[in-house]
Structures are given as C-alpha cells and as structure tokens.
N, C-alpha and C. Protein backbone atom coordinates (compact mmCIF):
# COMPACT_ATOMS: atom_id res chain seq x y z
N MET A 1 30.84 41.57 -1.98
CA MET A 1 31.19 41.10 -0.86
C MET A 1 32.80 41.59 -0.75
N SER A 2 33.18 41.79 -1.04
CA SER A 2 34.61 42.25 -1.64
C SER A 2 35.62 41.26 -0.25
N GLY A 3 35.14 40.17 -0.74
CA GLY A 3 36.25 39.18 0.26
C GLY A 3 35.72 38.86 1.32
N GLY A 4 36.56 38.53 1.92
CA GLY A 4 36.09 37.79 3.03
C GLY A 4 36.27 36.04 3.53
N HIS A 5 36.58 35.18 2.59
CA HIS A 5 37.61 34.58 2.87
C HIS A 5 37.71 33.94 3.89
N PHE A 6 38.97 34.25 3.67
CA PHE A 6 40.66 34.40 4.31
C PHE A 6 40.29 35.06 5.79
N ASP A 7 39.32 35.55 6.13
CA ASP A 7 38.72 36.90 6.90
C ASP A 7 40.12 38.15 6.65
N TYR A 8 40.25 38.65 5.95
CA TYR A 8 41.42 39.61 5.49
C TYR A 8 42.23 39.19 5.80
N LYS A 9 43.03 37.89 6.49
CA LYS A 9 44.52 38.18 6.73
C LYS A 9 45.33 37.72 6.08
N GLN A 10 45.02 38.22 4.60
CA GLN A 10 45.93 38.07 3.84
C GLN A 10 47.06 40.06 3.98
N TYR A 11 46.02 40.84 4.93
CA TYR A 11 46.60 42.23 5.40
C TYR A 11 47.87 42.08 5.75
N SER A 12 47.86 40.72 6.68
CA SER A 12 49.03 40.80 7.33
C SER A 12 50.55 40.97 7.07
N LEU A 13 49.63 39.94 5.54
CA LEU A 13 51.06 39.52 4.56
C LEU A 13 51.86 40.82 4.34
N GLU A 14 50.37 41.42 3.83
CA GLU A 14 51.32 42.96 3.03
C GLU A 14 51.86 43.89 4.38
N HIS A 15 51.60 44.57 5.93
CA HIS A 15 51.72 45.23 7.38
C HIS A 15 52.87 44.19 7.52
N MET A 16 52.96 42.93 6.84
CA MET A 16 54.84 42.75 7.15
C MET A 16 55.91 43.76 6.78
N ALA A 17 55.26 43.24 5.14
CA ALA A 17 56.40 43.81 4.28
C ALA A 17 56.49 44.98 4.43
N GLU A 18 55.44 46.20 5.39
CA GLU A 18 55.23 46.93 4.33
C GLU A 18 56.38 47.51 5.85
N GLU A 19 56.33 46.56 7.30
CA GLU A 19 57.48 46.51 8.51
C GLU A 19 58.95 46.61 7.94
N ILE A 20 59.14 45.68 6.98
CA ILE A 20 60.35 44.71 6.69
C ILE A 20 60.92 46.36 6.15
N GLN A 21 60.04 46.82 4.70
CA GLN A 21 60.12 48.41 3.77
C GLN A 21 60.83 48.95 5.38
N THR A 22 60.66 49.45 6.35
CA THR A 22 60.69 50.85 7.18
C THR A 22 62.46 50.25 8.03
N ILE A 23 61.89 49.36 8.54
CA ILE A 23 63.44 48.60 8.70
C ILE A 23 64.58 48.72 7.75
N ILE A 24 64.34 48.67 6.55
CA ILE A 24 65.30 48.53 6.09
C ILE A 24 65.62 50.21 5.62
N GLU A 25 64.96 50.87 5.37
CA GLU A 25 64.94 52.32 4.99
C GLU A 25 65.53 53.23 7.14
N ASN A 26 65.25 52.14 7.44
CA ASN A 26 65.84 53.10 8.78
C ASN A 26 67.37 52.82 9.05
N ASN A 27 68.21 51.46 8.11
CA ASN A 27 68.52 50.62 8.43
C ASN A 27 70.11 51.41 9.74
N ASP A 28 70.06 52.52 8.01
CA ASP A 28 71.52 53.23 8.89
C ASP A 28 70.81 54.33 9.86
N SER A 29 69.76 54.82 9.93
CA SER A 29 69.70 56.01 11.71
C SER A 29 70.85 55.74 12.03
N THR A 30 70.75 56.97 12.82
CA THR A 30 71.61 57.00 14.05
C THR A 30 70.69 57.57 15.19
N GLU A 31 69.54 57.76 14.37
CA GLU A 31 68.90 58.62 15.75
C GLU A 31 67.96 57.72 16.56
N LYS A 32 67.91 58.02 17.47
CA LYS A 32 67.49 57.59 19.00
C LYS A 32 66.34 57.15 19.00
N ASN A 33 65.42 56.15 19.14
CA ASN A 33 64.05 56.01 20.13
C ASN A 33 64.06 57.10 21.26
N GLN A 34 62.31 56.67 21.67
CA GLN A 34 62.32 57.01 23.12
C GLN A 34 62.58 56.44 24.24
N TYR A 35 63.97 55.19 24.09
CA TYR A 35 63.98 54.93 24.98
C TYR A 35 65.32 54.68 25.17
N GLY A 36 65.85 55.75 24.34
CA GLY A 36 67.36 55.99 24.00
C GLY A 36 68.19 54.86 22.59
N ASP A 37 66.77 54.08 21.67
CA ASP A 37 68.39 52.75 21.60
C ASP A 37 67.90 53.49 19.98
N ARG A 38 69.37 53.52 19.48
CA ARG A 38 69.15 53.76 17.93
C ARG A 38 68.57 52.91 17.19
N ILE A 39 67.49 54.00 16.07
CA ILE A 39 66.30 53.36 15.37
C ILE A 39 67.35 51.80 14.06
N GLY A 40 68.15 52.60 14.19
CA GLY A 40 68.53 51.51 12.69
C GLY A 40 69.22 50.54 13.50
N SER A 41 68.91 49.18 12.46
CA SER A 41 69.56 48.32 12.85
C SER A 41 70.90 48.19 12.45
N GLY A 42 71.64 48.96 11.28
CA GLY A 42 72.61 48.66 10.85
C GLY A 42 73.62 47.38 10.15
N PHE A 43 72.23 46.62 9.88
CA PHE A 43 72.64 45.41 8.91
C PHE A 43 73.54 45.53 7.57
N THR A 44 74.06 44.39 7.31
CA THR A 44 75.63 44.21 6.05
C THR A 44 73.88 44.28 5.17
N PRO A 45 74.98 45.14 4.07
CA PRO A 45 74.43 45.07 2.59
C PRO A 45 73.71 43.48 2.23
N GLN A 46 74.35 42.73 2.27
CA GLN A 46 73.55 41.65 2.36
C GLN A 46 72.29 40.79 3.21
N THR A 47 72.74 41.83 3.90
CA THR A 47 71.13 41.35 4.95
C THR A 47 69.58 41.50 4.74
N ILE A 48 70.08 43.58 4.08
CA ILE A 48 68.99 44.32 3.24
C ILE A 48 68.39 43.52 1.92
N GLN A 49 69.87 42.71 1.63
CA GLN A 49 69.25 42.57 0.16
C GLN A 49 68.38 41.22 0.46
N GLU A 50 68.76 40.67 1.26
CA GLU A 50 67.32 39.08 1.78
C GLU A 50 66.97 39.95 1.99
N MET A 51 66.53 41.16 2.81
CA MET A 51 65.38 41.24 3.11
C MET A 51 64.58 42.26 2.53
N HIS A 52 65.16 42.78 1.48
CA HIS A 52 64.44 43.47 0.33
C HIS A 52 63.20 42.04 -0.60
N LYS A 53 63.93 40.71 -0.42
CA LYS A 53 63.46 39.15 -0.91
C LYS A 53 62.37 38.93 -0.80
N ALA A 54 62.05 39.47 0.92
CA ALA A 54 61.34 38.71 2.03
C ALA A 54 60.37 39.47 1.74
N ALA A 55 61.12 41.29 1.51
CA ALA A 55 59.51 41.86 1.50
C ALA A 55 58.26 41.57 0.19
N ALA A 56 59.65 40.89 -0.91
CA ALA A 56 59.06 40.81 -2.09
C ALA A 56 58.01 39.54 -2.45
N PHE A 57 58.12 38.50 -1.21
CA PHE A 57 57.82 37.64 -1.00
C PHE A 57 56.70 37.28 -1.29
N LEU A 58 56.86 38.69 0.09
CA LEU A 58 55.34 38.66 1.04
C LEU A 58 53.83 39.76 0.45
N ARG A 59 55.07 40.54 -0.50
CA ARG A 59 54.08 41.16 -1.53
C ARG A 59 53.04 39.97 -2.55
N ILE A 60 53.78 39.49 -3.24
CA ILE A 60 53.63 38.80 -4.22
C ILE A 60 52.74 37.91 -3.02
N ALA A 61 52.76 37.31 -2.05
CA ALA A 61 51.95 36.19 -1.38
C ALA A 61 50.77 36.53 -0.78
N TYR A 62 50.61 38.06 -1.09
CA TYR A 62 49.25 38.61 -0.43
C TYR A 62 49.14 39.18 -1.41
N ILE A 63 49.32 39.51 -2.90
CA ILE A 63 48.79 39.20 -4.56
C ILE A 63 47.67 38.28 -3.94
N PHE A 64 48.54 36.43 -4.63
CA PHE A 64 47.29 35.74 -4.88
C PHE A 64 45.99 35.07 -3.90
N ALA A 65 46.62 35.53 -2.48
CA ALA A 65 45.67 35.75 -1.11
C ALA A 65 44.80 36.71 -1.42
N GLN A 66 44.61 37.81 -1.67
CA GLN A 66 43.57 39.05 -2.35
C GLN A 66 42.98 38.47 -3.33
N ARG A 67 43.38 37.86 -4.57
CA ARG A 67 43.35 37.40 -5.89
C ARG A 67 41.99 36.39 -5.67
N VAL A 68 43.11 35.11 -5.07
CA VAL A 68 42.48 33.78 -4.60
C VAL A 68 40.74 33.98 -3.54
N ASP A 69 41.37 35.31 -2.57
CA ASP A 69 40.08 35.08 -2.38
C ASP A 69 38.69 35.57 -2.72
N TRP A 70 39.00 37.15 -3.73
CA TRP A 70 37.31 37.61 -3.82
C TRP A 70 37.13 36.33 -5.17
N LEU A 71 38.06 35.34 -5.38
CA LEU A 71 37.84 34.57 -6.46
C LEU A 71 36.20 33.84 -5.37
N VAL A 72 36.66 33.02 -4.74
CA VAL A 72 36.45 31.98 -4.52
C VAL A 72 34.65 32.80 -2.90
N SER A 73 35.23 34.22 -2.80
CA SER A 73 34.13 34.84 -1.93
C SER A 73 33.24 34.88 -3.72
N GLY A 74 33.13 34.77 -4.17
CA GLY A 74 32.03 35.53 -5.14
C GLY A 74 31.82 36.68 -6.61
N ASP A 75 33.85 37.71 -5.58
CA ASP A 75 33.80 38.98 -6.20
C ASP A 75 34.29 38.51 -7.93
N ASP A 76 35.29 38.03 -7.99
CA ASP A 76 35.80 37.43 -9.37
C ASP A 76 35.29 36.55 -9.89
N GLY A 77 34.71 36.64 -11.21
CA GLY A 77 35.11 34.89 -11.74
C GLY A 77 36.73 34.43 -11.89
N GLU A 78 36.27 33.23 -13.39
CA GLU A 78 37.79 33.56 -13.28
C GLU A 78 38.91 34.23 -14.18
N ASP A 79 38.65 34.21 -15.16
CA ASP A 79 38.63 35.40 -15.95
C ASP A 79 38.61 36.65 -15.75
N THR A 80 38.37 37.31 -14.49
CA THR A 80 39.38 37.96 -13.85
C THR A 80 39.60 38.64 -12.49
N PHE A 81 39.65 36.74 -12.16
CA PHE A 81 40.34 36.57 -11.27
C PHE A 81 41.87 36.63 -12.11
N HIS A 82 42.27 35.67 -12.76
CA HIS A 82 43.52 35.83 -13.81
C HIS A 82 44.21 37.42 -14.36
N ARG A 83 42.72 38.05 -14.95
CA ARG A 83 43.57 39.50 -15.48
C ARG A 83 44.27 40.05 -14.13
N ARG A 84 43.59 41.34 -13.35
CA ARG A 84 43.33 41.31 -11.93
C ARG A 84 45.33 40.44 -11.31
N LEU A 85 45.15 39.22 -11.40
CA LEU A 85 46.05 38.86 -11.10
C LEU A 85 47.37 38.73 -11.55
N HIS A 86 47.37 38.93 -13.12
CA HIS A 86 48.01 39.09 -14.23
C HIS A 86 48.61 40.93 -13.73
N LYS A 87 47.88 41.55 -14.23
CA LYS A 87 48.08 42.95 -13.68
C LYS A 87 48.59 43.44 -12.42
N ASP A 88 48.38 42.56 -11.18
CA ASP A 88 48.61 43.02 -9.92
C ASP A 88 50.46 42.87 -9.58
N LEU A 89 50.34 41.71 -10.05
CA LEU A 89 51.97 40.83 -10.54
C LEU A 89 52.29 41.87 -11.42
N SER A 90 51.76 42.36 -12.97
CA SER A 90 52.35 43.45 -13.45
C SER A 90 53.19 44.34 -12.72
N ASP A 91 52.19 44.98 -12.47
CA ASP A 91 52.18 46.41 -11.67
C ASP A 91 52.86 46.42 -10.25
N LEU A 92 53.00 45.59 -9.35
CA LEU A 92 54.11 45.60 -9.20
C LEU A 92 56.25 45.02 -9.17
N CYS A 93 55.81 44.06 -9.52
CA CYS A 93 57.31 43.96 -10.93
C CYS A 93 57.67 45.14 -11.58
N ALA A 94 57.04 46.58 -12.13
CA ALA A 94 56.82 47.31 -12.23
C ALA A 94 57.64 48.70 -11.44
N ILE A 95 57.34 47.76 -10.40
CA ILE A 95 58.29 48.91 -8.96
C ILE A 95 59.03 48.31 -8.21
N ASN A 96 59.06 46.44 -8.32
CA ASN A 96 59.60 46.11 -6.94
C ASN A 96 61.26 45.16 -7.55
N PRO A 97 62.35 46.07 -8.07
CA PRO A 97 62.80 45.12 -8.54
C PRO A 97 63.39 44.03 -7.69
N SER A 98 62.59 43.34 -6.71
CA SER A 98 62.85 42.33 -6.07
C SER A 98 62.75 41.30 -6.75
N ALA A 99 60.79 41.42 -6.35
CA ALA A 99 59.78 40.65 -6.65
C ALA A 99 59.52 40.52 -8.43
N HIS A 100 60.39 41.47 -9.11
CA HIS A 100 60.63 41.32 -10.64
C HIS A 100 61.11 40.10 -11.08
N ALA A 101 62.79 40.21 -10.58
CA ALA A 101 63.46 39.07 -10.37
C ALA A 101 62.60 37.51 -10.39
N ILE A 102 62.36 37.91 -9.00
CA ILE A 102 61.33 36.41 -8.11
C ILE A 102 60.41 35.48 -9.41
N MET A 103 59.65 36.54 -10.40
CA MET A 103 59.09 36.24 -11.04
C MET A 103 58.93 36.38 -12.56
N SER A 104 60.09 36.75 -12.89
CA SER A 104 60.93 36.01 -13.89
C SER A 104 60.73 34.63 -13.86
N ALA A 105 61.79 34.37 -12.37
CA ALA A 105 62.42 33.22 -12.49
C ALA A 105 62.35 31.98 -12.43
N ALA A 106 60.76 32.41 -12.19
CA ALA A 106 59.28 30.98 -12.04
C ALA A 106 59.34 31.05 -13.77
N SER A 107 58.37 32.39 -14.06
CA SER A 107 58.52 32.46 -15.18
C SER A 107 58.99 32.06 -16.29
N GLN A 108 60.28 31.58 -15.69
CA GLN A 108 61.26 31.07 -17.46
C GLN A 108 61.25 29.09 -16.85
N THR A 109 60.80 29.37 -16.25
CA THR A 109 61.07 26.96 -16.41
C THR A 109 59.16 26.68 -16.48
N GLU A 110 58.75 25.70 -16.10
CA GLU A 110 57.73 25.03 -17.10
C GLU A 110 56.74 25.27 -15.51
N SER A 111 55.36 24.58 -16.21
CA SER A 111 54.35 25.73 -15.24
C SER A 111 53.67 25.35 -14.04
N THR A 112 54.37 24.04 -13.98
CA THR A 112 54.00 23.75 -13.54
C THR A 112 54.83 23.17 -11.31
N ASN A 113 54.00 23.79 -10.29
CA ASN A 113 53.92 23.47 -9.59
C ASN A 113 55.07 23.56 -9.05
N SER A 114 55.80 22.09 -8.90
CA SER A 114 56.86 22.34 -7.84
C SER A 114 57.81 22.88 -8.45
N VAL A 115 57.80 22.73 -9.60
CA VAL A 115 58.98 23.51 -10.04
C VAL A 115 59.15 25.15 -10.42
N VAL A 116 57.94 26.63 -9.89
CA VAL A 116 58.06 27.33 -10.19
C VAL A 116 58.27 26.92 -8.17
N ILE A 117 58.08 26.56 -7.55
CA ILE A 117 58.24 26.33 -6.26
C ILE A 117 60.21 26.44 -6.19
N GLU A 118 60.58 25.29 -6.59
CA GLU A 118 61.73 25.29 -6.68
C GLU A 118 62.36 26.49 -7.24
N ALA A 119 62.10 26.94 -8.29
CA ALA A 119 62.69 28.11 -8.98
C ALA A 119 62.60 29.61 -7.83
N LEU A 120 61.56 29.38 -7.19
CA LEU A 120 60.96 30.57 -5.83
C LEU A 120 62.05 30.65 -5.37
N ALA A 121 61.87 29.58 -4.69
CA ALA A 121 63.70 28.84 -3.23
C ALA A 121 64.61 29.11 -3.55
N HIS A 122 64.75 29.17 -4.96
CA HIS A 122 66.49 29.46 -5.76
C HIS A 122 66.62 30.70 -5.28
N SER A 123 65.41 31.58 -6.08
CA SER A 123 65.24 32.56 -6.16
C SER A 123 65.70 33.31 -4.93
N LEU A 124 65.48 32.19 -3.78
CA LEU A 124 65.62 33.05 -2.55
C LEU A 124 66.86 33.26 -2.24
N ILE A 125 67.56 32.11 -2.14
CA ILE A 125 68.82 31.49 -1.92
C ILE A 125 70.10 31.87 -2.50
N GLY A 126 69.50 32.57 -3.21
CA GLY A 126 70.27 33.12 -4.59
C GLY A 126 70.76 32.47 -5.28
N SER A 127 70.82 31.43 -5.47
CA SER A 127 70.82 30.11 -6.35
C SER A 127 70.86 29.97 -7.82
N LYS A 128 71.37 29.19 -8.81
CA LYS A 128 71.12 29.58 -9.91
C LYS A 128 69.42 28.62 -10.29
N LYS A 129 69.02 28.69 -11.25
CA LYS A 129 67.89 28.35 -11.97
C LYS A 129 68.32 27.09 -12.12
N PRO A 130 67.86 26.17 -11.37
CA PRO A 130 67.38 24.47 -11.81
C PRO A 130 67.14 24.52 -13.45
N SER A 131 67.95 23.31 -13.82
CA SER A 131 68.08 23.45 -15.18
C SER A 131 66.33 22.12 -15.77
C-alpha cells in the first residue's frame, strides 16, 4: 500500500525543508530573477543559522510522519517502524549537523514526551538544555 494515511501530506514537510535550503544557498547571490529582483535575500549569518534549524526540524517531522504513516497504513509492523525510524533519523543526523544537534539534545533527556519537546524547543531557540 505504501502509506496514504495522511494523504501523503508529509511530503509537504520535506518540500518546505528543500525550499528553505534553496533560500539558504541563494542567500548571498547578486543574480537577478526574470523580474529584475535580486535572487539572494542577504539574511544575516544568525538568521541563516536559524533557517538551518527550521529545515532540520521539518526533515525530522517528515521522517516521523512518514514512518507513522507506513505503520498505521499496515505497510510496516512495530518492529519495522522502530528500525526504519532509527535508521532514517540516524541517516539524517549523519549528513545534517543541525538535525544531529536537535536529536542529540532530545536523546540526552528523559524519554518522556514533554521533556523531549522541551529539549527540542530549547534547541530551536538556542537556550541551554533543561536540567
């Protein structure tokens, strides 16, 4: 069946992450588009750093949504769900430093949902990890 529980809306998350990555890559460009507007946005390094985090959060959300979609659609059992979730997140963290930092912060806390969410929120805003 290959998913479908969420009407494949999880792909919108990945698409947004890709769009943000394109904005980051073009940030310093002085080229003009067809309307004569500068392609690059000229955002500060601090803003670009936060945009990297935004793209990472979207990719993490996509992975979770995709794995849950396949689980509840009957494509994966629970064991496969956990194995694929771990592999997908590990693969992302191996190539994306922002995702690695986010997932590391979450894994160093207790495994309750509220603590993980708090750790992710603190990671996003750059605060210290909750004690």
